[in-house]
Amino acid sequence: MTVRTSEVDDLALEETPAPEAPPQVDNLDALESEAIHIFREVAGEFDRPVILFSGGKDSTVLVHLALKAFRPAPVPFPLLHVDTGHNFEEVLGFRDDLVARHDLRLVVARVQDWIDDGRLSERPDGTRNPLQTQPLLEAIEQNRFDAVFGGGRRDEERARAKERVFSLRDSFGQWDPRRQRPELWNLYNGKHRAGEHMRVFPLSNWTELDVWRYIQREKIELSQMYYAHRREVFARDGMWLTSGPWGGPGEGETVTEKTVRYRTIGDGSCTGAVESEAYTVDDVIAEVAASRLTERGATRADDRVSEAAMEDRKREGYF
């Protein structure tokens, strides 16, 4: 019997299974994979890296990613905390617990030491956030750190949006946006002269919402300040500040008790809380998704000085 060519083609089509669709890559998986790649790239390219750690959510996520990047080996570099002396006690307790739990090394540069020996002076406004730059740069120099991981994200503030993943600092620790290097195809250029160092931002492509969804997925423990709680606060410059060793309330400022949480954690003199009923990670994700203000714009007084406040400090060597 003669079989027509068209019939053979039809049979072949019936017997050939359809190709499987490529697996879908989850957005958080892609972000995690990129960050872990950056950690391993730095570990292979630099001699003395360090992770800047504040006890906040972004630096806590950095530690979690570093643990995953090198497990089962220990994280091969220490944490560096610049302690202003105006940090929240809850955050310092969380920092020490995390370091002990994961057997990490911790280097602390205390702003108070620089004030005590005259290298720095207290500011008239009482805030110590801008005073962190000199202790940070001296700690980097003294410990010969050549790569410094930071938790900066591009959705936080316009100056941070100018950063590359690898951001070169000169021998004075200063940043020049004109010296940013191209990073085509995720190729990172870590070359630097003696005395220079690299700031590295594994969370560059993350948003605040991505961070919270990752915290939810990975069940990452944070300071309880990030969730709604009752706290005595007073109003200043449209924010709810907490009384502490940094001063306040001032004349005409009344202390009241409110249910608040912190979107970002820093120096107590300039980090405000927001009224919130977000008691769980799910609640926070819903709140962040609905917000139209960045966390720093909403709760950091030091970023309201001018539109270029962060960029000016970054040029001097700030985070």
Protein backbone atom coordinates (compact mmCIF):
# COMPACT_ATOMS: atom_id res chain seq x y z
CA MET A 1 0.00 0.00 0.00
CA THR A 2 1.30 3.44 -0.87
CA VAL A 3 1.33 6.02 1.95
CA ARG A 4 1.12 9.65 0.93
CA THR A 5 3.84 12.02 2.18
CA SER A 6 1.24 14.21 3.88
CA GLU A 7 0.02 11.21 5.91
CA VAL A 8 3.59 10.48 7.09
CA ASP A 9 3.99 14.12 8.17
CA ASP A 10 0.70 13.93 10.08
CA LEU A 11 1.82 10.76 11.90
CA ALA A 12 5.16 12.35 12.82
CA LEU A 13 3.40 15.36 14.27
CA GLU A 14 1.13 13.15 16.37
CA GLU A 15 4.07 11.14 17.79
CA THR A 16 6.39 14.10 18.61
CA PRO A 17 5.69 15.44 22.10
CA ALA A 18 5.42 19.17 22.49
CA PRO A 19 8.55 20.77 24.00
CA GLU A 20 8.29 21.52 27.68
CA ALA A 21 8.04 25.17 28.64
CA PRO A 22 11.17 26.52 30.35
CA PRO A 23 10.83 26.68 34.12
CA GLN A 24 9.67 30.02 35.41
CA VAL A 25 12.29 31.83 37.49
CA ASP A 26 10.80 33.49 40.54
CA ASN A 27 11.80 37.15 40.96
CA LEU A 28 13.11 36.56 44.48
CA ASP A 29 15.12 33.55 43.29
CA ALA A 30 16.74 35.73 40.61
CA LEU A 31 17.56 38.50 43.10
CA GLU A 32 18.95 36.01 45.61
CA SER A 33 21.06 34.30 42.96
CA GLU A 34 22.52 37.63 41.82
CA ALA A 35 23.35 38.69 45.39
CA ILE A 36 25.00 35.36 46.21
CA HIS A 37 27.04 35.61 43.00
CA ILE A 38 28.22 39.08 44.09
CA PHE A 39 29.26 37.80 47.53
CA ARG A 40 31.25 34.96 45.99
CA GLU A 41 32.79 37.25 43.39
CA VAL A 42 34.04 39.59 46.11
CA ALA A 43 35.34 36.70 48.23
CA GLY A 44 37.38 35.52 45.25
CA GLU A 45 38.61 38.93 44.11
CA PHE A 46 39.39 40.82 47.33
CA ASP A 47 41.59 40.08 50.34
CA ARG A 48 39.75 41.70 53.27
CA PRO A 49 36.02 42.27 52.70
CA VAL A 50 33.62 43.35 55.45
CA ILE A 51 29.83 43.71 55.77
CA LEU A 52 28.49 47.00 57.11
CA PHE A 53 25.92 46.04 59.71
CA SER A 54 23.47 48.36 61.43
CA GLY A 55 20.99 45.83 62.81
CA GLY A 56 18.43 46.99 60.25
CA LYS A 57 16.46 44.83 57.84
CA ASP A 58 18.70 45.37 54.79
CA SER A 59 21.96 44.54 56.57
CA THR A 60 20.24 41.55 58.24
CA VAL A 61 19.23 40.30 54.78
CA LEU A 62 22.87 40.77 53.70
CA VAL A 63 24.03 38.53 56.54
CA HIS A 64 21.41 35.93 55.61
CA LEU A 65 22.60 35.96 51.97
CA ALA A 66 26.24 35.68 53.05
CA LEU A 67 25.41 32.67 55.22
CA LYS A 68 23.71 31.00 52.23
CA ALA A 69 26.56 31.93 49.87
CA PHE A 70 29.25 30.13 51.90
CA ARG A 71 27.33 27.44 53.82
CA PRO A 72 28.42 25.04 55.28
CA ALA A 73 31.62 27.06 55.71
CA PRO A 74 31.48 30.12 57.99
CA VAL A 75 31.13 33.61 56.52
CA PRO A 76 34.77 34.44 55.60
CA PHE A 77 34.67 38.10 56.65
CA PRO A 78 33.51 40.13 59.67
CA LEU A 79 30.71 42.62 60.27
CA LEU A 80 31.45 46.31 60.89
CA HIS A 81 29.05 48.42 62.94
CA VAL A 82 29.54 52.17 63.33
CA ASP A 83 27.86 52.79 66.69
CA THR A 84 26.77 56.41 67.07
CA GLY A 85 26.03 55.99 70.77
CA HIS A 86 22.47 57.00 69.88
CA ASN A 87 21.37 53.59 68.68
CA PHE A 88 18.21 51.99 69.99
CA GLU A 89 18.90 49.46 72.75
CA GLU A 90 16.59 46.95 71.03
CA VAL A 91 18.77 47.08 67.91
CA LEU A 92 22.04 46.63 69.82
CA GLY A 93 20.56 43.61 71.57
CA PHE A 94 19.41 42.15 68.26
CA ARG A 95 22.89 42.75 66.77
CA ASP A 96 24.65 40.91 69.58
CA ASP A 97 22.20 37.99 69.49
CA LEU A 98 22.63 37.56 65.72
CA VAL A 99 26.44 37.65 65.95
CA ALA A 100 26.42 35.04 68.73
CA ARG A 101 23.85 32.81 67.02
CA HIS A 102 25.86 32.54 63.79
CA ASP A 103 29.34 32.74 65.37
CA LEU A 104 30.21 35.86 63.39
CA ARG A 105 33.05 38.30 63.95
CA LEU A 106 32.06 41.86 64.84
CA VAL A 107 34.12 45.05 64.60
CA VAL A 108 32.58 48.10 66.31
CA ALA A 109 33.68 51.70 65.63
CA ARG A 110 32.18 53.88 68.37
CA VAL A 111 31.55 57.54 67.55
CA GLN A 112 31.79 58.27 71.30
CA ASP A 113 35.50 57.32 71.21
CA TRP A 114 36.15 59.95 68.55
CA ILE A 115 34.24 62.56 70.59
CA ASP A 116 36.07 61.66 73.81
CA ASP A 117 39.53 62.14 72.30
CA GLY A 118 38.62 65.31 70.40
CA ARG A 119 38.67 63.98 66.87
CA LEU A 120 34.96 64.83 66.57
CA SER A 121 32.68 67.38 68.24
CA GLU A 122 29.00 67.12 69.07
CA ARG A 123 26.72 68.91 66.62
CA PRO A 124 24.44 71.73 67.83
CA ASP A 125 21.36 69.78 66.68
CA GLY A 126 22.40 66.72 68.74
CA THR A 127 22.34 64.24 65.87
CA ARG A 128 25.33 61.98 65.38
CA ASN A 129 24.35 60.44 62.06
CA PRO A 130 26.67 62.71 60.01
CA LEU A 131 29.47 61.98 62.51
CA GLN A 132 29.69 58.36 61.37
CA THR A 133 31.80 59.10 58.28
CA GLN A 134 35.18 59.63 59.97
CA PRO A 135 34.97 56.57 62.26
CA LEU A 136 33.86 54.48 59.27
CA LEU A 137 36.78 55.59 57.08
CA GLU A 138 39.32 55.16 59.87
CA ALA A 139 37.98 51.68 60.69
CA ILE A 140 38.32 50.73 57.01
CA GLU A 141 41.88 52.05 56.91
CA GLN A 142 42.99 50.52 60.21
CA ASN A 143 41.60 47.09 59.34
CA ARG A 144 42.74 47.34 55.70
CA PHE A 145 39.30 46.44 54.41
CA ASP A 146 39.38 46.53 50.61
CA ALA A 147 35.71 45.70 49.88
CA VAL A 148 32.84 46.97 52.03
CA PHE A 149 29.37 45.45 51.54
CA GLY A 150 26.47 47.85 52.04
CA GLY A 151 22.72 47.35 51.99
CA GLY A 152 21.90 50.33 49.78
CA ARG A 153 19.07 49.92 47.27
CA ARG A 154 18.32 52.03 44.22
CA ASP A 155 14.74 52.77 45.27
CA GLU A 156 15.79 54.40 48.55
CA GLU A 157 17.21 57.75 47.49
CA ARG A 158 18.34 59.39 44.25
CA ALA A 159 22.06 59.48 45.15
CA ARG A 160 22.04 55.75 45.83
CA ALA A 161 20.42 55.19 42.44
CA LYS A 162 23.65 56.49 40.86
CA GLU A 163 25.74 53.72 42.36
CA ARG A 164 27.00 50.70 40.50
CA VAL A 165 27.16 47.32 42.25
CA PHE A 166 30.93 47.85 42.61
CA SER A 167 31.46 51.49 43.60
CA LEU A 168 35.06 52.71 43.83
CA ARG A 169 36.21 54.93 46.71
CA ASP A 170 39.50 56.82 46.45
CA SER A 171 42.33 56.81 49.01
CA PHE A 172 40.39 59.40 51.06
CA GLY A 173 37.30 57.18 51.06
CA GLN A 174 35.45 59.63 48.82
CA TRP A 175 32.99 58.82 46.05
CA ASP A 176 33.06 60.42 42.59
CA PRO A 177 30.02 59.47 40.47
CA ARG A 178 32.03 60.29 37.33
CA ARG A 179 34.39 57.40 38.12
CA GLN A 180 31.64 54.79 38.07
CA ARG A 181 32.58 51.85 35.88
CA PRO A 182 30.35 50.09 33.35
CA GLU A 183 29.00 46.71 34.45
CA LEU A 184 27.93 45.13 31.18
CA TRP A 185 26.68 41.54 31.39
CA ASN A 186 27.14 41.62 35.18
CA LEU A 187 30.91 41.78 34.86
CA TYR A 188 32.29 43.60 37.90
CA ASN A 189 35.60 45.46 37.83
CA GLY A 190 37.25 45.31 41.24
CA LYS A 191 40.61 46.82 40.29
CA HIS A 192 41.80 49.46 42.74
CA ARG A 193 45.03 51.12 43.81
CA ALA A 194 46.63 50.77 47.23
CA GLY A 195 44.59 52.76 49.73
CA GLU A 196 41.42 52.68 47.65
CA HIS A 197 38.54 50.38 48.41
CA MET A 198 35.32 49.21 46.82
CA ARG A 199 31.80 49.63 48.21
CA VAL A 200 29.69 46.69 47.07
CA PHE A 201 25.87 46.68 46.95
CA PRO A 202 24.36 43.19 46.48
CA LEU A 203 20.82 44.58 46.98
CA SER A 204 21.13 47.18 44.21
CA ASN A 205 18.27 45.70 42.18
CA TRP A 206 16.00 45.04 45.16
CA THR A 207 13.15 47.24 46.34
CA GLU A 208 11.83 47.67 49.87
CA LEU A 209 8.96 45.39 48.91
CA ASP A 210 11.36 42.75 47.56
CA VAL A 211 13.26 42.83 50.86
CA TRP A 212 10.09 42.28 52.87
CA ARG A 213 8.87 39.48 50.60
CA TYR A 214 12.26 37.81 50.95
CA ILE A 215 12.12 38.18 54.73
CA GLN A 216 8.69 36.54 54.60
CA ARG A 217 9.85 33.66 52.38
CA GLU A 218 13.07 32.98 54.28
CA LYS A 219 11.51 33.56 57.72
CA ILE A 220 14.29 36.00 58.64
CA GLU A 221 14.17 37.29 62.19
CA LEU A 222 14.30 41.09 62.60
CA SER A 223 14.29 43.56 65.43
CA GLN A 224 10.75 43.90 66.77
CA MET A 225 10.95 47.65 66.12
CA TYR A 226 9.98 46.90 62.51
CA TYR A 227 6.55 45.72 63.65
CA ALA A 228 3.75 47.68 65.30
CA HIS A 229 4.17 48.23 69.05
CA ARG A 230 3.23 50.77 71.67
CA ARG A 231 5.85 53.47 72.24
CA GLU A 232 6.09 56.93 73.79
CA VAL A 233 6.82 59.43 71.04
CA PHE A 234 6.70 63.14 70.30
CA ALA A 235 6.06 64.95 67.02
CA ARG A 236 8.84 66.86 65.23
CA ASP A 237 9.10 67.83 61.57
CA GLY A 238 6.19 65.56 60.65
CA MET A 239 7.74 62.48 62.28
CA TRP A 240 7.27 60.60 65.55
CA LEU A 241 10.56 60.58 67.46
CA THR A 242 11.44 58.72 70.63
CA SER A 243 13.02 60.27 73.71
CA GLY A 244 16.53 59.08 74.47
CA PRO A 245 20.12 60.11 75.24
CA TRP A 246 20.04 62.13 72.01
CA GLY A 247 17.62 64.62 73.60
CA GLY A 248 14.00 65.63 73.26
CA PRO A 249 11.27 66.40 73.61
CA GLY A 250 11.95 70.10 73.25
CA GLU A 251 9.89 73.08 74.27
CA GLY A 252 6.33 72.73 73.01
CA GLU A 253 6.78 69.04 72.11
CA THR A 254 4.42 66.74 73.99
CA VAL A 255 5.09 63.07 74.66
CA THR A 256 2.22 60.74 73.84
CA GLU A 257 1.85 56.97 73.50
CA LYS A 258 1.04 55.61 70.05
CA THR A 259 1.09 52.37 68.09
CA VAL A 260 4.02 52.78 65.70
CA ARG A 261 6.65 50.88 63.81
CA TYR A 262 9.96 51.78 62.13
CA ARG A 263 10.47 51.45 58.38
CA THR A 264 14.20 52.08 58.72
CA ILE A 265 16.49 52.03 61.76
CA GLY A 266 19.33 54.44 62.42
CA ASP A 267 20.45 57.16 64.79
CA GLY A 268 17.64 57.76 67.29
CA SER A 269 17.91 61.53 66.96
CA CYS A 270 16.82 61.57 63.32
CA THR A 271 14.97 58.30 62.71
CA GLY A 272 11.22 58.57 63.03
CA ALA A 273 8.47 56.02 63.48
CA VAL A 274 5.23 55.83 61.52
CA GLU A 275 1.79 55.12 62.94
CA SER A 276 0.96 51.57 61.96
CA GLU A 277 -1.14 48.52 62.75
CA ALA A 278 1.27 46.19 60.91
CA TYR A 279 1.98 43.52 63.54
CA THR A 280 3.15 40.76 61.17
CA VAL A 281 5.27 40.39 58.04
CA ASP A 282 2.11 40.02 55.96
CA ASP A 283 0.76 43.27 57.42
CA VAL A 284 4.02 45.09 56.66
CA ILE A 285 4.05 43.84 53.05
CA ALA A 286 0.52 45.13 52.52
CA GLU A 287 1.47 48.48 54.07
CA VAL A 288 4.66 48.88 52.02
CA ALA A 289 2.86 47.91 48.80
CA ALA A 290 0.35 50.72 49.38
CA SER A 291 2.92 53.36 50.36
CA ARG A 292 3.91 56.15 47.98
CA LEU A 293 6.81 57.45 50.10
CA THR A 294 10.27 55.87 50.29
CA GLU A 295 11.28 54.71 53.73
CA ARG A 296 14.05 57.29 54.03
CA GLY A 297 11.90 60.13 52.74
CA ALA A 298 9.21 59.26 55.25
CA THR A 299 11.29 58.65 58.37
CA ARG A 300 14.85 60.05 58.10
CA ALA A 301 15.22 63.70 59.08
CA ASP A 302 18.86 63.82 57.95
CA ASP A 303 17.78 63.27 54.33
CA ARG A 304 15.49 66.30 54.44
CA VAL A 305 18.27 68.86 54.84
CA SER A 306 18.47 69.36 51.07
CA GLU A 307 17.80 67.41 47.89
CA ALA A 308 21.53 66.66 47.66
CA ALA A 309 22.04 65.81 51.36
CA MET A 310 22.78 62.13 50.79
CA GLU A 311 24.97 62.74 47.74
CA ASP A 312 27.05 65.33 49.62
CA ARG A 313 27.67 62.86 52.44
CA LYS A 314 28.41 60.00 50.05
CA ARG A 315 31.07 62.13 48.35
CA GLU A 316 32.72 62.48 51.77
CA GLY A 317 32.71 58.72 52.36
CA TYR A 318 29.35 58.07 54.05
CA PHE A 319 27.47 54.79 53.53
